[in-house]
Amino acid sequence: MSDESTNLPESERLPTMQRILDNPFILLFIGVLFPAVFYIIWGIVEIVNIPIAQ
């Protein structure tokens, strides 16, 4: 019973997306960062669109 990953040459690396999707901490970071940035930008746009009182 041999592991296929041990048969890969040393110069062959995993694709970037596979390394990102295999790391739960990166997924957690992305899952928190994107909504936070989205809502901050959305809030700034809403504040800018408030009409000035006269």
PDB file of N, CA and C in Angstrom:
ATOM      1  N   MET A   1       0.843  -1.168   0.000  1.00  0.00           N
ATOM      2  CA  MET A   1       0.000   0.000   0.000  1.00  0.00           C
ATOM      3  C   MET A   1       0.894   1.238   0.000  1.00  0.00           C
ATOM      4  N   SER A   2       1.089   1.838  -1.160  1.00  0.00           N
ATOM      5  CA  SER A   2       1.972   2.997  -1.242  1.00  0.00           C
ATOM      6  C   SER A   2       1.156   4.276  -1.354  1.00  0.00           C
ATOM      7  N   ASP A   3       1.671   5.306  -0.778  1.00  0.00           N
ATOM      8  CA  ASP A   3       1.014   6.612  -0.825  1.00  0.00           C
ATOM      9  C   ASP A   3       1.392   7.314  -2.122  1.00  0.00           C
ATOM     10  N   GLU A   4       0.399   7.783  -2.862  1.00  0.00           N
ATOM     11  CA  GLU A   4       0.675   8.405  -4.154  1.00  0.00           C
ATOM     12  C   GLU A   4       1.431   9.713  -4.015  1.00  0.00           C
ATOM     13  N   SER A   5       1.238  10.421  -2.906  1.00  0.00           N
ATOM     14  CA  SER A   5       1.911  11.703  -2.739  1.00  0.00           C
ATOM     15  C   SER A   5       3.417  11.531  -2.578  1.00  0.00           C
ATOM     16  N   THR A   6       3.875  10.356  -2.132  1.00  0.00           N
ATOM     17  CA  THR A   6       5.313  10.141  -1.995  1.00  0.00           C
ATOM     18  C   THR A   6       5.961   9.868  -3.348  1.00  0.00           C
ATOM     19  N   ASN A   7       5.176   9.543  -4.357  1.00  0.00           N
ATOM     20  CA  ASN A   7       5.712   9.275  -5.682  1.00  0.00           C
ATOM     21  C   ASN A   7       5.902  10.535  -6.507  1.00  0.00           C
ATOM     22  N   LEU A   8       5.448  11.690  -6.002  1.00  0.00           N
ATOM     23  CA  LEU A   8       5.596  12.935  -6.740  1.00  0.00           C
ATOM     24  C   LEU A   8       7.036  13.418  -6.676  1.00  0.00           C
ATOM     25  N   PRO A   9       7.526  13.994  -7.757  1.00  0.00           N
ATOM     26  CA  PRO A   9       8.876  14.554  -7.705  1.00  0.00           C
ATOM     27  C   PRO A   9       8.932  15.760  -6.767  1.00  0.00           C
ATOM     28  N   GLU A  10      10.126  16.039  -6.256  1.00  0.00           N
ATOM     29  CA  GLU A  10      10.310  17.135  -5.305  1.00  0.00           C
ATOM     30  C   GLU A  10       9.977  18.488  -5.915  1.00  0.00           C
ATOM     31  N   SER A  11      10.196  18.655  -7.213  1.00  0.00           N
ATOM     32  CA  SER A  11       9.989  19.954  -7.852  1.00  0.00           C
ATOM     33  C   SER A  11       8.510  20.254  -8.087  1.00  0.00           C
ATOM     34  N   GLU A  12       7.640  19.252  -8.006  1.00  0.00           N
ATOM     35  CA  GLU A  12       6.213  19.456  -8.275  1.00  0.00           C
ATOM     36  C   GLU A  12       5.525  19.932  -6.994  1.00  0.00           C
ATOM     37  N   ARG A  13       4.892  21.103  -7.070  1.00  0.00           N
ATOM     38  CA  ARG A  13       4.218  21.683  -5.912  1.00  0.00           C
ATOM     39  C   ARG A  13       2.720  21.620  -6.107  1.00  0.00           C
ATOM     40  N   LEU A  14       1.999  21.731  -4.991  1.00  0.00           N
ATOM     41  CA  LEU A  14       0.540  21.767  -5.066  1.00  0.00           C
ATOM     42  C   LEU A  14       0.096  23.095  -5.652  1.00  0.00           C
ATOM     43  N   PRO A  15      -1.001  23.113  -6.393  1.00  0.00           N
ATOM     44  CA  PRO A  15      -1.524  24.384  -6.906  1.00  0.00           C
ATOM     45  C   PRO A  15      -1.923  25.306  -5.747  1.00  0.00           C
ATOM     46  N   THR A  16      -1.872  26.599  -6.000  1.00  0.00           N
ATOM     47  CA  THR A  16      -2.144  27.592  -4.964  1.00  0.00           C
ATOM     48  C   THR A  16      -3.551  27.452  -4.407  1.00  0.00           C
ATOM     49  N   MET A  17      -4.543  27.294  -5.268  1.00  0.00           N
ATOM     50  CA  MET A  17      -5.926  27.186  -4.789  1.00  0.00           C
ATOM     51  C   MET A  17      -6.117  25.941  -3.923  1.00  0.00           C
ATOM     52  N   GLN A  18      -5.448  24.862  -4.239  1.00  0.00           N
ATOM     53  CA  GLN A  18      -5.574  23.655  -3.429  1.00  0.00           C
ATOM     54  C   GLN A  18      -4.954  23.876  -2.053  1.00  0.00           C
ATOM     55  N   ARG A  19      -3.827  24.574  -1.993  1.00  0.00           N
ATOM     56  CA  ARG A  19      -3.217  24.859  -0.695  1.00  0.00           C
ATOM     57  C   ARG A  19      -4.105  25.772   0.137  1.00  0.00           C
ATOM     58  N   ILE A  20      -4.776  26.757  -0.508  1.00  0.00           N
ATOM     59  CA  ILE A  20      -5.677  27.659   0.216  1.00  0.00           C
ATOM     60  C   ILE A  20      -6.893  26.897   0.729  1.00  0.00           C
ATOM     61  N   LEU A  21      -7.494  26.086  -0.119  1.00  0.00           N
ATOM     62  CA  LEU A  21      -8.714  25.371   0.257  1.00  0.00           C
ATOM     63  C   LEU A  21      -8.455  24.245   1.250  1.00  0.00           C
ATOM     64  N   ASP A  22      -7.219  23.778   1.355  1.00  0.00           N
ATOM     65  CA  ASP A  22      -6.885  22.726   2.314  1.00  0.00           C
ATOM     66  C   ASP A  22      -6.573  23.280   3.701  1.00  0.00           C
ATOM     67  N   ASN A  23      -6.392  24.589   3.830  1.00  0.00           N
ATOM     68  CA  ASN A  23      -6.019  25.187   5.109  1.00  0.00           C
ATOM     69  C   ASN A  23      -7.246  25.819   5.768  1.00  0.00           C
ATOM     70  N   PRO A  24      -7.744  25.239   6.864  1.00  0.00           N
ATOM     71  CA  PRO A  24      -8.959  25.790   7.484  1.00  0.00           C
ATOM     72  C   PRO A  24      -8.758  27.175   8.084  1.00  0.00           C
ATOM     73  N   PHE A  25      -7.558  27.502   8.503  1.00  0.00           N
ATOM     74  CA  PHE A  25      -7.321  28.811   9.099  1.00  0.00           C
ATOM     75  C   PHE A  25      -7.368  29.916   8.047  1.00  0.00           C
ATOM     76  N   ILE A  26      -6.880  29.634   6.858  1.00  0.00           N
ATOM     77  CA  ILE A  26      -6.981  30.622   5.772  1.00  0.00           C
ATOM     78  C   ILE A  26      -8.446  30.800   5.384  1.00  0.00           C
ATOM     79  N   LEU A  27      -9.198  29.708   5.330  1.00  0.00           N
ATOM     80  CA  LEU A  27     -10.621  29.804   5.007  1.00  0.00           C
ATOM     81  C   LEU A  27     -11.371  30.601   6.072  1.00  0.00           C
ATOM     82  N   LEU A  28     -11.019  30.403   7.342  1.00  0.00           N
ATOM     83  CA  LEU A  28     -11.639  31.169   8.420  1.00  0.00           C
ATOM     84  C   LEU A  28     -11.307  32.649   8.274  1.00  0.00           C
ATOM     85  N   PHE A  29     -10.050  32.956   7.998  1.00  0.00           N
ATOM     86  CA  PHE A  29      -9.615  34.338   7.826  1.00  0.00           C
ATOM     87  C   PHE A  29     -10.356  35.004   6.668  1.00  0.00           C
ATOM     88  N   ILE A  30     -10.463  34.308   5.544  1.00  0.00           N
ATOM     89  CA  ILE A  30     -11.173  34.847   4.380  1.00  0.00           C
ATOM     90  C   ILE A  30     -12.663  35.008   4.695  1.00  0.00           C
ATOM     91  N   GLY A  31     -13.238  34.034   5.400  1.00  0.00           N
ATOM     92  CA  GLY A  31     -14.655  34.075   5.731  1.00  0.00           C
ATOM     93  C   GLY A  31     -15.018  35.203   6.682  1.00  0.00           C
ATOM     94  N   VAL A  32     -14.078  35.660   7.475  1.00  0.00           N
ATOM     95  CA  VAL A  32     -14.327  36.783   8.376  1.00  0.00           C
ATOM     96  C   VAL A  32     -13.954  38.100   7.704  1.00  0.00           C
ATOM     97  N   LEU A  33     -12.865  38.106   6.955  1.00  0.00           N
ATOM     98  CA  LEU A  33     -12.346  39.339   6.365  1.00  0.00           C
ATOM     99  C   LEU A  33     -13.262  39.901   5.279  1.00  0.00           C
ATOM    100  N   PHE A  34     -13.697  39.066   4.333  1.00  0.00           N
ATOM    101  CA  PHE A  34     -14.497  39.575   3.216  1.00  0.00           C
ATOM    102  C   PHE A  34     -15.821  40.189   3.650  1.00  0.00           C
ATOM    103  N   PRO A  35     -16.616  39.533   4.490  1.00  0.00           N
ATOM    104  CA  PRO A  35     -17.855  40.188   4.926  1.00  0.00           C
ATOM    105  C   PRO A  35     -17.591  41.469   5.720  1.00  0.00           C
ATOM    106  N   ALA A  36     -16.553  41.464   6.548  1.00  0.00           N
ATOM    107  CA  ALA A  36     -16.242  42.663   7.344  1.00  0.00           C
ATOM    108  C   ALA A  36     -15.896  43.829   6.431  1.00  0.00           C
ATOM    109  N   VAL A  37     -15.041  43.601   5.456  1.00  0.00           N
ATOM    110  CA  VAL A  37     -14.669  44.665   4.515  1.00  0.00           C
ATOM    111  C   VAL A  37     -15.884  45.108   3.712  1.00  0.00           C
ATOM    112  N   PHE A  38     -16.703  44.165   3.268  1.00  0.00           N
ATOM    113  CA  PHE A  38     -17.896  44.491   2.490  1.00  0.00           C
ATOM    114  C   PHE A  38     -18.844  45.387   3.282  1.00  0.00           C
ATOM    115  N   TYR A  39     -19.108  45.025   4.550  1.00  0.00           N
ATOM    116  CA  TYR A  39     -20.037  45.811   5.357  1.00  0.00           C
ATOM    117  C   TYR A  39     -19.448  47.172   5.729  1.00  0.00           C
ATOM    118  N   ILE A  40     -18.148  47.261   5.932  1.00  0.00           N
ATOM    119  CA  ILE A  40     -17.524  48.556   6.215  1.00  0.00           C
ATOM    120  C   ILE A  40     -17.664  49.478   5.010  1.00  0.00           C
ATOM    121  N   ILE A  41     -17.369  48.960   3.817  1.00  0.00           N
ATOM    122  CA  ILE A  41     -17.499  49.772   2.599  1.00  0.00           C
ATOM    123  C   ILE A  41     -18.958  50.151   2.380  1.00  0.00           C
ATOM    124  N   TRP A  42     -19.873  49.218   2.591  1.00  0.00           N
ATOM    125  CA  TRP A  42     -21.300  49.492   2.438  1.00  0.00           C
ATOM    126  C   TRP A  42     -21.742  50.582   3.413  1.00  0.00           C
ATOM    127  N   GLY A  43     -21.278  50.535   4.649  1.00  0.00           N
ATOM    128  CA  GLY A  43     -21.605  51.552   5.639  1.00  0.00           C
ATOM    129  C   GLY A  43     -21.073  52.919   5.267  1.00  0.00           C
ATOM    130  N   ILE A  44     -19.858  52.972   4.745  1.00  0.00           N
ATOM    131  CA  ILE A  44     -19.280  54.253   4.321  1.00  0.00           C
ATOM    132  C   ILE A  44     -20.090  54.837   3.176  1.00  0.00           C
ATOM    133  N   VAL A  45     -20.482  54.009   2.217  1.00  0.00           N
ATOM    134  CA  VAL A  45     -21.298  54.472   1.092  1.00  0.00           C
ATOM    135  C   VAL A  45     -22.641  54.999   1.591  1.00  0.00           C
ATOM    136  N   GLU A  46     -23.256  54.300   2.540  1.00  0.00           N
ATOM    137  CA  GLU A  46     -24.536  54.759   3.080  1.00  0.00           C
ATOM    138  C   GLU A  46     -24.389  56.096   3.804  1.00  0.00           C
ATOM    139  N   ILE A  47     -23.333  56.273   4.568  1.00  0.00           N
ATOM    140  CA  ILE A  47     -23.108  57.536   5.286  1.00  0.00           C
ATOM    141  C   ILE A  47     -22.870  58.675   4.308  1.00  0.00           C
ATOM    142  N   VAL A  48     -22.121  58.409   3.247  1.00  0.00           N
ATOM    143  CA  VAL A  48     -21.844  59.441   2.250  1.00  0.00           C
ATOM    144  C   VAL A  48     -23.130  59.849   1.519  1.00  0.00           C
ATOM    145  N   ASN A  49     -24.067  58.925   1.356  1.00  0.00           N
ATOM    146  CA  ASN A  49     -25.306  59.206   0.625  1.00  0.00           C
ATOM    147  C   ASN A  49     -26.390  59.899   1.465  1.00  0.00           C
ATOM    148  N   ILE A  50     -26.155  60.099   2.758  1.00  0.00           N
ATOM    149  CA  ILE A  50     -27.132  60.785   3.599  1.00  0.00           C
ATOM    150  C   ILE A  50     -27.149  62.258   3.200  1.00  0.00           C
ATOM    151  N   PRO A  51     -28.332  62.807   2.892  1.00  0.00           N
ATOM    152  CA  PRO A  51     -28.382  64.212   2.519  1.00  0.00           C
ATOM    153  C   PRO A  51     -28.039  65.133   3.695  1.00  0.00           C
ATOM    154  N   ILE A  52     -27.403  66.246   3.401  1.00  0.00           N
ATOM    155  CA  ILE A  52     -27.003  67.204   4.431  1.00  0.00           C
ATOM    156  C   ILE A  52     -28.234  68.000   4.865  1.00  0.00           C
ATOM    157  N   ALA A  53     -28.429  68.117   6.195  1.00  0.00           N
ATOM    158  CA  ALA A  53     -29.577  68.861   6.721  1.00  0.00           C
ATOM    159  C   ALA A  53     -29.351  70.361   6.529  1.00  0.00           C
ATOM    160  N   GLN A  54     -30.464  71.077   6.319  1.00  0.00           N
ATOM    161  CA  GLN A  54     -30.338  72.526   6.119  1.00  0.00           C
ATOM    162  C   GLN A  54     -31.102  73.302   7.141  1.00  0.00           C
TER     163      GLN A  54
END
